[in-house]
Amino acid sequence: MSATTEPLPIDRLAPRAPAGRTFGGRRKVRLGDVDADGRLRLDALTRYTQDVSDDDTTDAGLDTEPGWVVRSTVVDELAPAHLGEWLSFETFCTGTGGRWAERRLSILGEEGGRYEVATLWVCVDGATGRPHRLTDQFIELYGEAAAGRRVSARLVNPALPSPQVRGAPRPWQVRSADHDVYRHVNNAAYWAVVEEWAGAWSGPRRVRLEYGAGISGVDRIDVVTEPVADGCALWWLLPLPRGDGGAGDDPGEVGGVGVGEAVASALVRSLPPDLYEPS
């Protein structure tokens, strides 16, 4: 699927089941979380959702092993929150596969901010990093909320166009502050790239970010952006050789991914009107 292929239709994210575990939290939009217009940035929103998700599993007593890595995140920004606004979070499971599960978050602001978020988490063995079957403990805690709904881990964003037809890549500095304790770029840091090239948006939007092999061992990445129907697509690339002796000079692989290959992608599109209104 190229960037010019018609993207898949946009459906509303899965609703909360009538029964099963839910967990709530609150966050206030602070000065360091907004852009110059006071709008909550998507990278800050993602940190909030990570924190609430961790608070949920801690409260539930879910074992820390096996661990979890993010496969993809969908953010429906129906109305942006702003500086000083209090946000209420409700999180719940909305589906499972053999080795992954979908976490939903509904976020409402006291001044009108609203987001719907779905994250696909893959269960992984902490020692090997390989996918691990969902544990009996997980199913006991979250299975009722999943209500038998099966979800796929398939990636659906447009594929990176060939160099002959795509625009020139632009460099993005990778900072030490972007890394987590696993020495990979943290999930939330990817969203700063979305903010840079798709931050200004007129009306409600959906952003689907798909994570690949992870970014580590380089001091910069390249970003390619291309228009798609009613939106734009972005790809994170390990940089091609620069010839200056810096990171990215090795024309082989970094972390098992060839330089010049996409390690993550995002698709930003306008949401259909009234998508979440009662039918």
C-alpha atoms as a PDB file:
ATOM      1  CA  MET A   1       0.000   0.000   0.000  1.00  0.00           C
ATOM      2  CA  SER A   2       1.561   3.284  -1.096  1.00  0.00           C
ATOM      3  CA  ALA A   3       0.939   6.738   0.292  1.00  0.00           C
ATOM      4  CA  THR A   4      -1.416   7.416  -2.592  1.00  0.00           C
ATOM      5  CA  THR A   5      -3.644   4.416  -1.823  1.00  0.00           C
ATOM      6  CA  GLU A   6      -7.016   5.240  -0.315  1.00  0.00           C
ATOM      7  CA  PRO A   7      -6.739   4.679   3.448  1.00  0.00           C
ATOM      8  CA  LEU A   8      -9.106   2.338   5.247  1.00  0.00           C
ATOM      9  CA  PRO A   9     -12.467   3.735   6.408  1.00  0.00           C
ATOM     10  CA  ILE A  10     -12.530   5.350   9.842  1.00  0.00           C
ATOM     11  CA  ASP A  11     -14.737   3.620  12.400  1.00  0.00           C
ATOM     12  CA  ARG A  12     -15.260   4.655  16.001  1.00  0.00           C
ATOM     13  CA  LEU A  13     -13.037   2.929  18.539  1.00  0.00           C
ATOM     14  CA  ALA A  14     -14.495   0.037  20.522  1.00  0.00           C
ATOM     15  CA  PRO A  15     -16.759   1.076  23.422  1.00  0.00           C
ATOM     16  CA  ARG A  16     -16.508  -0.134  27.009  1.00  0.00           C
ATOM     17  CA  ALA A  17     -18.230  -3.461  27.669  1.00  0.00           C
ATOM     18  CA  PRO A  18     -21.163  -3.515  30.143  1.00  0.00           C
ATOM     19  CA  ALA A  19     -19.084  -5.470  32.671  1.00  0.00           C
ATOM     20  CA  GLY A  20     -15.449  -5.927  33.596  1.00  0.00           C
ATOM     21  CA  ARG A  21     -12.612  -3.938  35.109  1.00  0.00           C
ATOM     22  CA  THR A  22     -12.350  -0.193  34.572  1.00  0.00           C
ATOM     23  CA  PHE A  23      -9.908   2.245  36.136  1.00  0.00           C
ATOM     24  CA  GLY A  24     -10.005   6.022  36.420  1.00  0.00           C
ATOM     25  CA  GLY A  25      -7.527   8.826  36.848  1.00  0.00           C
ATOM     26  CA  ARG A  26      -7.175  12.605  36.651  1.00  0.00           C
ATOM     27  CA  ARG A  27      -4.497  14.871  35.240  1.00  0.00           C
ATOM     28  CA  LYS A  28      -4.185  18.646  34.966  1.00  0.00           C
ATOM     29  CA  VAL A  29      -2.778  20.131  31.764  1.00  0.00           C
ATOM     30  CA  ARG A  30       0.411  21.897  32.837  1.00  0.00           C
ATOM     31  CA  LEU A  31       2.585  24.542  31.207  1.00  0.00           C
ATOM     32  CA  GLY A  32       5.168  22.033  29.967  1.00  0.00           C
ATOM     33  CA  ASP A  33       2.472  20.000  28.200  1.00  0.00           C
ATOM     34  CA  VAL A  34       1.086  22.597  25.776  1.00  0.00           C
ATOM     35  CA  ASP A  35       2.088  24.345  22.564  1.00  0.00           C
ATOM     36  CA  ALA A  36       2.391  28.098  22.059  1.00  0.00           C
ATOM     37  CA  ASP A  37      -1.402  28.373  21.762  1.00  0.00           C
ATOM     38  CA  GLY A  38      -2.022  26.497  25.009  1.00  0.00           C
ATOM     39  CA  ARG A  39      -3.232  23.286  23.276  1.00  0.00           C
ATOM     40  CA  LEU A  40      -2.309  19.970  24.892  1.00  0.00           C
ATOM     41  CA  ARG A  41       0.396  18.393  22.724  1.00  0.00           C
ATOM     42  CA  LEU A  42      -0.007  14.787  21.634  1.00  0.00           C
ATOM     43  CA  ASP A  43       3.340  13.740  23.111  1.00  0.00           C
ATOM     44  CA  ALA A  44       2.177  15.025  26.509  1.00  0.00           C
ATOM     45  CA  LEU A  45      -1.193  13.304  26.119  1.00  0.00           C
ATOM     46  CA  THR A  46       0.638  10.040  25.406  1.00  0.00           C
ATOM     47  CA  ARG A  47       2.647  10.404  28.626  1.00  0.00           C
ATOM     48  CA  TYR A  48      -0.625  10.848  30.502  1.00  0.00           C
ATOM     49  CA  THR A  49      -2.082   7.691  28.955  1.00  0.00           C
ATOM     50  CA  GLN A  50       1.073   5.714  29.767  1.00  0.00           C
ATOM     51  CA  ASP A  51       0.913   6.845  33.389  1.00  0.00           C
ATOM     52  CA  VAL A  52      -2.781   6.011  33.795  1.00  0.00           C
ATOM     53  CA  SER A  53      -2.226   2.618  32.151  1.00  0.00           C
ATOM     54  CA  ASP A  54       0.632   1.862  34.542  1.00  0.00           C
ATOM     55  CA  ASP A  55      -1.466   3.022  37.494  1.00  0.00           C
ATOM     56  CA  ASP A  56      -4.160   0.573  36.386  1.00  0.00           C
ATOM     57  CA  THR A  57      -1.915  -2.493  36.189  1.00  0.00           C
ATOM     58  CA  THR A  58      -0.246  -1.542  39.480  1.00  0.00           C
ATOM     59  CA  ASP A  59      -3.618  -1.169  41.179  1.00  0.00           C
ATOM     60  CA  ALA A  60      -4.754  -4.506  39.703  1.00  0.00           C
ATOM     61  CA  GLY A  61      -1.608  -6.269  40.939  1.00  0.00           C
ATOM     62  CA  LEU A  62      -0.655  -7.534  37.462  1.00  0.00           C
ATOM     63  CA  ASP A  63       2.755  -9.212  37.499  1.00  0.00           C
ATOM     64  CA  THR A  64       5.557  -7.170  35.919  1.00  0.00           C
ATOM     65  CA  GLU A  65       6.760 -10.256  34.017  1.00  0.00           C
ATOM     66  CA  PRO A  66       6.066 -10.957  31.233  1.00  0.00           C
ATOM     67  CA  GLY A  67       6.331  -7.372  30.062  1.00  0.00           C
ATOM     68  CA  TRP A  68       4.579  -5.296  27.435  1.00  0.00           C
ATOM     69  CA  VAL A  69       5.582  -3.257  24.379  1.00  0.00           C
ATOM     70  CA  VAL A  70       3.365  -0.995  22.280  1.00  0.00           C
ATOM     71  CA  ARG A  71       2.545  -2.146  18.752  1.00  0.00           C
ATOM     72  CA  SER A  72       0.283   0.739  17.756  1.00  0.00           C
ATOM     73  CA  THR A  73      -1.683   3.645  19.214  1.00  0.00           C
ATOM     74  CA  VAL A  74      -4.722   5.414  17.816  1.00  0.00           C
ATOM     75  CA  VAL A  75      -5.619   8.864  19.159  1.00  0.00           C
ATOM     76  CA  ASP A  76      -8.924  10.428  18.184  1.00  0.00           C
ATOM     77  CA  GLU A  77      -8.662  14.098  19.107  1.00  0.00           C
ATOM     78  CA  LEU A  78     -12.290  15.200  19.081  1.00  0.00           C
ATOM     79  CA  ALA A  79     -11.626  18.474  20.881  1.00  0.00           C
ATOM     80  CA  PRO A  80      -8.204  19.535  22.184  1.00  0.00           C
ATOM     81  CA  ALA A  81      -7.668  20.238  25.877  1.00  0.00           C
ATOM     82  CA  HIS A  82      -5.900  23.416  26.961  1.00  0.00           C
ATOM     83  CA  LEU A  83      -3.644  24.795  29.657  1.00  0.00           C
ATOM     84  CA  GLY A  84      -5.072  24.449  33.155  1.00  0.00           C
ATOM     85  CA  GLU A  85      -7.851  22.037  32.152  1.00  0.00           C
ATOM     86  CA  TRP A  86      -8.515  19.016  34.364  1.00  0.00           C
ATOM     87  CA  LEU A  87      -8.885  15.742  32.458  1.00  0.00           C
ATOM     88  CA  SER A  88     -10.700  12.613  33.653  1.00  0.00           C
ATOM     89  CA  PHE A  89      -9.467   9.258  32.328  1.00  0.00           C
ATOM     90  CA  GLU A  90     -11.298   5.958  32.142  1.00  0.00           C
ATOM     91  CA  THR A  91      -9.357   2.937  30.896  1.00  0.00           C
ATOM     92  CA  PHE A  92     -10.499  -0.602  30.122  1.00  0.00           C
ATOM     93  CA  CYS A  93      -9.623  -3.607  27.962  1.00  0.00           C
ATOM     94  CA  THR A  94     -11.523  -3.935  24.675  1.00  0.00           C
ATOM     95  CA  GLY A  95     -10.049  -7.043  23.100  1.00  0.00           C
ATOM     96  CA  THR A  96      -7.358  -9.700  23.105  1.00  0.00           C
ATOM     97  CA  GLY A  97      -5.340 -11.931  20.810  1.00  0.00           C
ATOM     98  CA  GLY A  98      -3.123 -14.831  21.715  1.00  0.00           C
ATOM     99  CA  ARG A  99      -0.190 -12.593  22.643  1.00  0.00           C
ATOM    100  CA  TRP A 100      -1.587  -9.070  22.716  1.00  0.00           C
ATOM    101  CA  ALA A 101      -4.414  -6.977  24.081  1.00  0.00           C
ATOM    102  CA  GLU A 102      -6.104  -3.670  23.298  1.00  0.00           C
ATOM    103  CA  ARG A 103      -6.363  -0.987  25.960  1.00  0.00           C
ATOM    104  CA  ARG A 104      -8.873   1.821  25.511  1.00  0.00           C
ATOM    105  CA  LEU A 105      -8.900   5.177  27.224  1.00  0.00           C
ATOM    106  CA  SER A 106     -11.723   7.722  27.177  1.00  0.00           C
ATOM    107  CA  ILE A 107     -10.601  11.195  28.212  1.00  0.00           C
ATOM    108  CA  LEU A 108     -12.911  14.083  29.048  1.00  0.00           C
ATOM    109  CA  GLY A 109     -11.904  17.590  30.032  1.00  0.00           C
ATOM    110  CA  GLU A 110     -13.812  19.915  32.338  1.00  0.00           C
ATOM    111  CA  GLU A 111     -13.674  22.622  29.649  1.00  0.00           C
ATOM    112  CA  GLY A 112     -14.601  20.481  26.646  1.00  0.00           C
ATOM    113  CA  GLY A 113     -11.435  18.592  25.753  1.00  0.00           C
ATOM    114  CA  ARG A 114     -12.132  15.078  24.527  1.00  0.00           C
ATOM    115  CA  TYR A 115      -9.992  12.192  23.292  1.00  0.00           C
ATOM    116  CA  GLU A 116     -10.575   8.518  22.548  1.00  0.00           C
ATOM    117  CA  VAL A 117      -7.444   6.345  22.546  1.00  0.00           C
ATOM    118  CA  ALA A 118      -6.730   2.709  21.704  1.00  0.00           C
ATOM    119  CA  THR A 119      -3.341   1.105  22.253  1.00  0.00           C
ATOM    120  CA  LEU A 120      -2.345  -2.385  21.122  1.00  0.00           C
ATOM    121  CA  TRP A 121       0.089  -3.877  23.650  1.00  0.00           C
ATOM    122  CA  VAL A 122       2.093  -7.025  22.869  1.00  0.00           C
ATOM    123  CA  CYS A 123       2.975  -9.311  25.778  1.00  0.00           C
ATOM    124  CA  VAL A 124       6.712 -10.136  25.661  1.00  0.00           C
ATOM    125  CA  ASP A 125       9.159 -12.330  27.530  1.00  0.00           C
ATOM    126  CA  GLY A 126      11.475 -10.055  29.486  1.00  0.00           C
ATOM    127  CA  ALA A 127      14.536 -12.255  28.922  1.00  0.00           C
ATOM    128  CA  THR A 128      14.159 -12.933  25.196  1.00  0.00           C
ATOM    129  CA  GLY A 129      11.979 -10.068  24.009  1.00  0.00           C
ATOM    130  CA  ARG A 130       9.829 -12.544  22.098  1.00  0.00           C
ATOM    131  CA  PRO A 131       6.004 -12.442  22.191  1.00  0.00           C
ATOM    132  CA  HIS A 132       4.523 -14.335  25.155  1.00  0.00           C
ATOM    133  CA  ARG A 133       1.041 -15.780  25.490  1.00  0.00           C
ATOM    134  CA  LEU A 134      -1.344 -13.825  27.680  1.00  0.00           C
ATOM    135  CA  THR A 135      -1.176 -15.174  31.199  1.00  0.00           C
ATOM    136  CA  ASP A 136      -4.022 -16.690  33.172  1.00  0.00           C
ATOM    137  CA  GLN A 137      -3.657 -13.781  35.600  1.00  0.00           C
ATOM    138  CA  PHE A 138      -4.190 -11.259  32.813  1.00  0.00           C
ATOM    139  CA  ILE A 139      -7.256 -13.080  31.529  1.00  0.00           C
ATOM    140  CA  GLU A 140      -8.682 -13.241  35.039  1.00  0.00           C
ATOM    141  CA  LEU A 141      -8.207  -9.493  35.518  1.00  0.00           C
ATOM    142  CA  TYR A 142      -9.181  -8.174  32.083  1.00  0.00           C
ATOM    143  CA  GLY A 143     -10.931 -10.972  30.221  1.00  0.00           C
ATOM    144  CA  GLU A 144     -14.441  -9.981  31.281  1.00  0.00           C
ATOM    145  CA  ALA A 145     -13.963  -6.429  29.990  1.00  0.00           C
ATOM    146  CA  ALA A 146     -12.613  -7.777  26.684  1.00  0.00           C
ATOM    147  CA  ALA A 147     -15.969  -9.568  26.324  1.00  0.00           C
ATOM    148  CA  GLY A 148     -14.628 -12.089  23.829  1.00  0.00           C
ATOM    149  CA  ARG A 149     -13.656  -9.442  21.254  1.00  0.00           C
ATOM    150  CA  ARG A 150     -10.617 -10.519  19.209  1.00  0.00           C
ATOM    151  CA  VAL A 151      -8.156  -7.921  17.947  1.00  0.00           C
ATOM    152  CA  SER A 152      -5.377  -8.140  15.379  1.00  0.00           C
ATOM    153  CA  ALA A 153      -1.788  -6.931  15.648  1.00  0.00           C
ATOM    154  CA  ARG A 154      -1.611  -6.352  11.887  1.00  0.00           C
ATOM    155  CA  LEU A 155      -0.049  -3.070  10.787  1.00  0.00           C
ATOM    156  CA  VAL A 156      -2.253  -1.089   8.403  1.00  0.00           C
ATOM    157  CA  ASN A 157      -0.545   2.270   7.849  1.00  0.00           C
ATOM    158  CA  PRO A 158       0.665   3.048   4.316  1.00  0.00           C
ATOM    159  CA  ALA A 159       4.003   1.521   3.349  1.00  0.00           C
ATOM    160  CA  LEU A 160       6.989   3.804   2.851  1.00  0.00           C
ATOM    161  CA  PRO A 161       7.019   4.984  -0.785  1.00  0.00           C
ATOM    162  CA  SER A 162      10.066   4.184  -2.874  1.00  0.00           C
ATOM    163  CA  PRO A 163      12.878   6.781  -2.953  1.00  0.00           C
ATOM    164  CA  GLN A 164      11.983   7.608  -6.557  1.00  0.00           C
ATOM    165  CA  VAL A 165       8.526   8.957  -5.691  1.00  0.00           C
ATOM    166  CA  ARG A 166       8.755  10.213  -2.099  1.00  0.00           C
ATOM    167  CA  GLY A 167       9.903  13.578  -0.875  1.00  0.00           C
ATOM    168  CA  ALA A 168      13.325  14.285   0.566  1.00  0.00           C
ATOM    169  CA  PRO A 169      13.776  13.120   4.186  1.00  0.00           C
ATOM    170  CA  ARG A 170      14.286  15.692   6.891  1.00  0.00           C
ATOM    171  CA  PRO A 171      16.547  15.078   9.898  1.00  0.00           C
ATOM    172  CA  TRP A 172      15.229  14.841  13.453  1.00  0.00           C
ATOM    173  CA  GLN A 173      17.597  15.112  16.409  1.00  0.00           C
ATOM    174  CA  VAL A 174      17.365  12.234  18.885  1.00  0.00           C
ATOM    175  CA  ARG A 175      18.100  13.503  22.394  1.00  0.00           C
ATOM    176  CA  SER A 176      19.292  11.548  25.395  1.00  0.00           C
ATOM    177  CA  ALA A 177      16.140  12.806  27.154  1.00  0.00           C
ATOM    178  CA  ASP A 178      14.048  10.883  24.599  1.00  0.00           C
ATOM    179  CA  HIS A 179      15.314   7.507  25.829  1.00  0.00           C
ATOM    180  CA  ASP A 180      13.827   5.297  28.529  1.00  0.00           C
ATOM    181  CA  VAL A 181      15.509   2.812  30.874  1.00  0.00           C
ATOM    182  CA  TYR A 182      15.586   0.232  28.070  1.00  0.00           C
ATOM    183  CA  ARG A 183      17.769   2.650  26.036  1.00  0.00           C
ATOM    184  CA  HIS A 184      15.122   2.951  23.335  1.00  0.00           C
ATOM    185  CA  VAL A 185      13.318   6.127  22.337  1.00  0.00           C
ATOM    186  CA  ASN A 186      10.242   6.299  24.559  1.00  0.00           C
ATOM    187  CA  ASN A 187       6.833   5.843  22.956  1.00  0.00           C
ATOM    188  CA  ALA A 188       5.773   9.399  23.791  1.00  0.00           C
ATOM    189  CA  ALA A 189       8.821  10.918  22.063  1.00  0.00           C
ATOM    190  CA  TYR A 190       7.610   9.724  18.659  1.00  0.00           C
ATOM    191  CA  TRP A 191       4.584  11.986  19.041  1.00  0.00           C
ATOM    192  CA  ALA A 192       6.815  15.065  19.128  1.00  0.00           C
ATOM    193  CA  VAL A 193       7.539  14.336  15.460  1.00  0.00           C
ATOM    194  CA  VAL A 194       3.797  14.259  14.758  1.00  0.00           C
ATOM    195  CA  GLU A 195       3.494  17.592  16.552  1.00  0.00           C
ATOM    196  CA  GLU A 196       6.282  19.077  14.433  1.00  0.00           C
ATOM    197  CA  TRP A 197       4.729  18.219  11.068  1.00  0.00           C
ATOM    198  CA  ALA A 198       1.032  17.773  11.843  1.00  0.00           C
ATOM    199  CA  GLY A 199       0.462  19.784  15.007  1.00  0.00           C
ATOM    200  CA  ALA A 200      -1.725  22.432  13.409  1.00  0.00           C
ATOM    201  CA  TRP A 201      -4.967  20.790  12.338  1.00  0.00           C
ATOM    202  CA  SER A 202      -8.384  22.176  11.606  1.00  0.00           C
ATOM    203  CA  GLY A 203     -11.117  20.138  13.256  1.00  0.00           C
ATOM    204  CA  PRO A 204     -11.183  16.675  14.839  1.00  0.00           C
ATOM    205  CA  ARG A 205      -8.524  14.216  13.683  1.00  0.00           C
ATOM    206  CA  ARG A 206      -7.297  10.660  14.073  1.00  0.00           C
ATOM    207  CA  VAL A 207      -3.613   9.810  14.419  1.00  0.00           C
ATOM    208  CA  ARG A 208      -2.562   6.176  14.148  1.00  0.00           C
ATOM    209  CA  LEU A 209       1.071   5.579  15.107  1.00  0.00           C
ATOM    210  CA  GLU A 210       2.619   2.166  14.467  1.00  0.00           C
ATOM    211  CA  TYR A 211       5.861   1.283  16.234  1.00  0.00           C
ATOM    212  CA  GLY A 212       8.459  -0.971  14.657  1.00  0.00           C
ATOM    213  CA  ALA A 213      11.800  -2.239  15.884  1.00  0.00           C
ATOM    214  CA  GLY A 214      12.448   0.747  18.132  1.00  0.00           C
ATOM    215  CA  ILE A 215      15.047   3.505  17.827  1.00  0.00           C
ATOM    216  CA  SER A 216      18.361   3.209  19.651  1.00  0.00           C
ATOM    217  CA  GLY A 217      22.036   3.689  18.921  1.00  0.00           C
ATOM    218  CA  VAL A 218      21.650   6.738  16.643  1.00  0.00           C
ATOM    219  CA  ASP A 219      21.772  10.479  17.334  1.00  0.00           C
ATOM    220  CA  ARG A 220      19.260  11.374  14.650  1.00  0.00           C
ATOM    221  CA  ILE A 221      16.581   9.893  12.437  1.00  0.00           C
ATOM    222  CA  ASP A 222      15.148  10.929   9.103  1.00  0.00           C
ATOM    223  CA  VAL A 223      11.467  11.783   8.683  1.00  0.00           C
ATOM    224  CA  VAL A 224       9.549  11.474   5.422  1.00  0.00           C
ATOM    225  CA  THR A 225       6.119  13.068   5.059  1.00  0.00           C
ATOM    226  CA  GLU A 226       3.652  12.571   2.212  1.00  0.00           C
ATOM    227  CA  PRO A 227       0.052  13.707   1.625  1.00  0.00           C
ATOM    228  CA  VAL A 228      -2.728  11.103   1.629  1.00  0.00           C
ATOM    229  CA  ALA A 229      -6.475  11.384   1.165  1.00  0.00           C
ATOM    230  CA  ASP A 230      -7.795  13.854   3.812  1.00  0.00           C
ATOM    231  CA  GLY A 231      -4.507  13.861   5.716  1.00  0.00           C
ATOM    232  CA  CYS A 232      -0.817  13.041   5.729  1.00  0.00           C
ATOM    233  CA  ALA A 233       1.516  10.148   6.489  1.00  0.00           C
ATOM    234  CA  LEU A 234       4.867  10.188   8.260  1.00  0.00           C
ATOM    235  CA  TRP A 235       7.672   7.627   8.449  1.00  0.00           C
ATOM    236  CA  TRP A 236      10.632   7.414  10.816  1.00  0.00           C
ATOM    237  CA  LEU A 237      13.767   6.159   9.019  1.00  0.00           C
ATOM    238  CA  LEU A 238      17.130   5.113  10.316  1.00  0.00           C
ATOM    239  CA  PRO A 239      19.444   7.636   8.622  1.00  0.00           C
ATOM    240  CA  LEU A 240      21.480   6.920   5.522  1.00  0.00           C
ATOM    241  CA  PRO A 241      25.278   7.346   5.820  1.00  0.00           C
ATOM    242  CA  ARG A 242      26.386  10.926   6.320  1.00  0.00           C
ATOM    243  CA  GLY A 243      30.082  10.409   5.695  1.00  0.00           C
ATOM    244  CA  ASP A 244      31.172  12.476   8.695  1.00  0.00           C
ATOM    245  CA  GLY A 245      32.066   9.701  11.113  1.00  0.00           C
ATOM    246  CA  GLY A 246      28.884  10.171  13.154  1.00  0.00           C
ATOM    247  CA  ALA A 247      25.997   7.870  13.925  1.00  0.00           C
ATOM    248  CA  GLY A 248      24.420   6.500  10.798  1.00  0.00           C
ATOM    249  CA  ASP A 249      27.710   6.106   8.847  1.00  0.00           C
ATOM    250  CA  ASP A 250      27.497   2.308   8.922  1.00  0.00           C
ATOM    251  CA  PRO A 251      25.499   1.333   5.826  1.00  0.00           C
ATOM    252  CA  GLY A 252      24.447  -1.968   7.359  1.00  0.00           C
ATOM    253  CA  GLU A 253      21.965  -2.350  10.193  1.00  0.00           C
ATOM    254  CA  VAL A 254      21.125  -0.762  13.537  1.00  0.00           C
ATOM    255  CA  GLY A 255      19.196  -3.000  15.894  1.00  0.00           C
ATOM    256  CA  GLY A 256      18.489  -5.445  13.068  1.00  0.00           C
ATOM    257  CA  VAL A 257      16.889  -2.815  10.813  1.00  0.00           C
ATOM    258  CA  GLY A 258      18.598  -1.606   7.656  1.00  0.00           C
ATOM    259  CA  VAL A 259      19.428   2.096   7.446  1.00  0.00           C
ATOM    260  CA  GLY A 260      16.982   3.934   5.247  1.00  0.00           C
ATOM    261  CA  GLU A 261      14.180   1.574   6.313  1.00  0.00           C
ATOM    262  CA  ALA A 262      11.103   2.767   8.211  1.00  0.00           C
ATOM    263  CA  VAL A 263      11.062   1.912  11.911  1.00  0.00           C
ATOM    264  CA  ALA A 264       7.725   3.601  12.655  1.00  0.00           C
ATOM    265  CA  SER A 265       4.911   5.347  10.801  1.00  0.00           C
ATOM    266  CA  ALA A 266       1.965   7.623  11.497  1.00  0.00           C
ATOM    267  CA  LEU A 267      -1.205   8.358   9.590  1.00  0.00           C
ATOM    268  CA  VAL A 268      -3.043  11.617  10.366  1.00  0.00           C
ATOM    269  CA  ARG A 269      -6.567  12.068   9.007  1.00  0.00           C
ATOM    270  CA  SER A 270      -9.622  14.196   9.629  1.00  0.00           C
ATOM    271  CA  LEU A 271     -12.366  12.463  11.597  1.00  0.00           C
ATOM    272  CA  PRO A 272     -15.828  12.123  10.068  1.00  0.00           C
ATOM    273  CA  PRO A 273     -18.319  14.505  11.692  1.00  0.00           C
ATOM    274  CA  ASP A 274     -20.350  13.142  14.600  1.00  0.00           C
ATOM    275  CA  LEU A 275     -18.343   9.886  14.695  1.00  0.00           C
ATOM    276  CA  TYR A 276     -18.929   9.473  18.416  1.00  0.00           C
ATOM    277  CA  GLU A 277     -22.398  10.947  18.593  1.00  0.00           C
ATOM    278  CA  PRO A 278     -25.198   8.554  19.643  1.00  0.00           C
ATOM    279  CA  SER A 279     -26.669   6.732  16.663  1.00  0.00           C
END
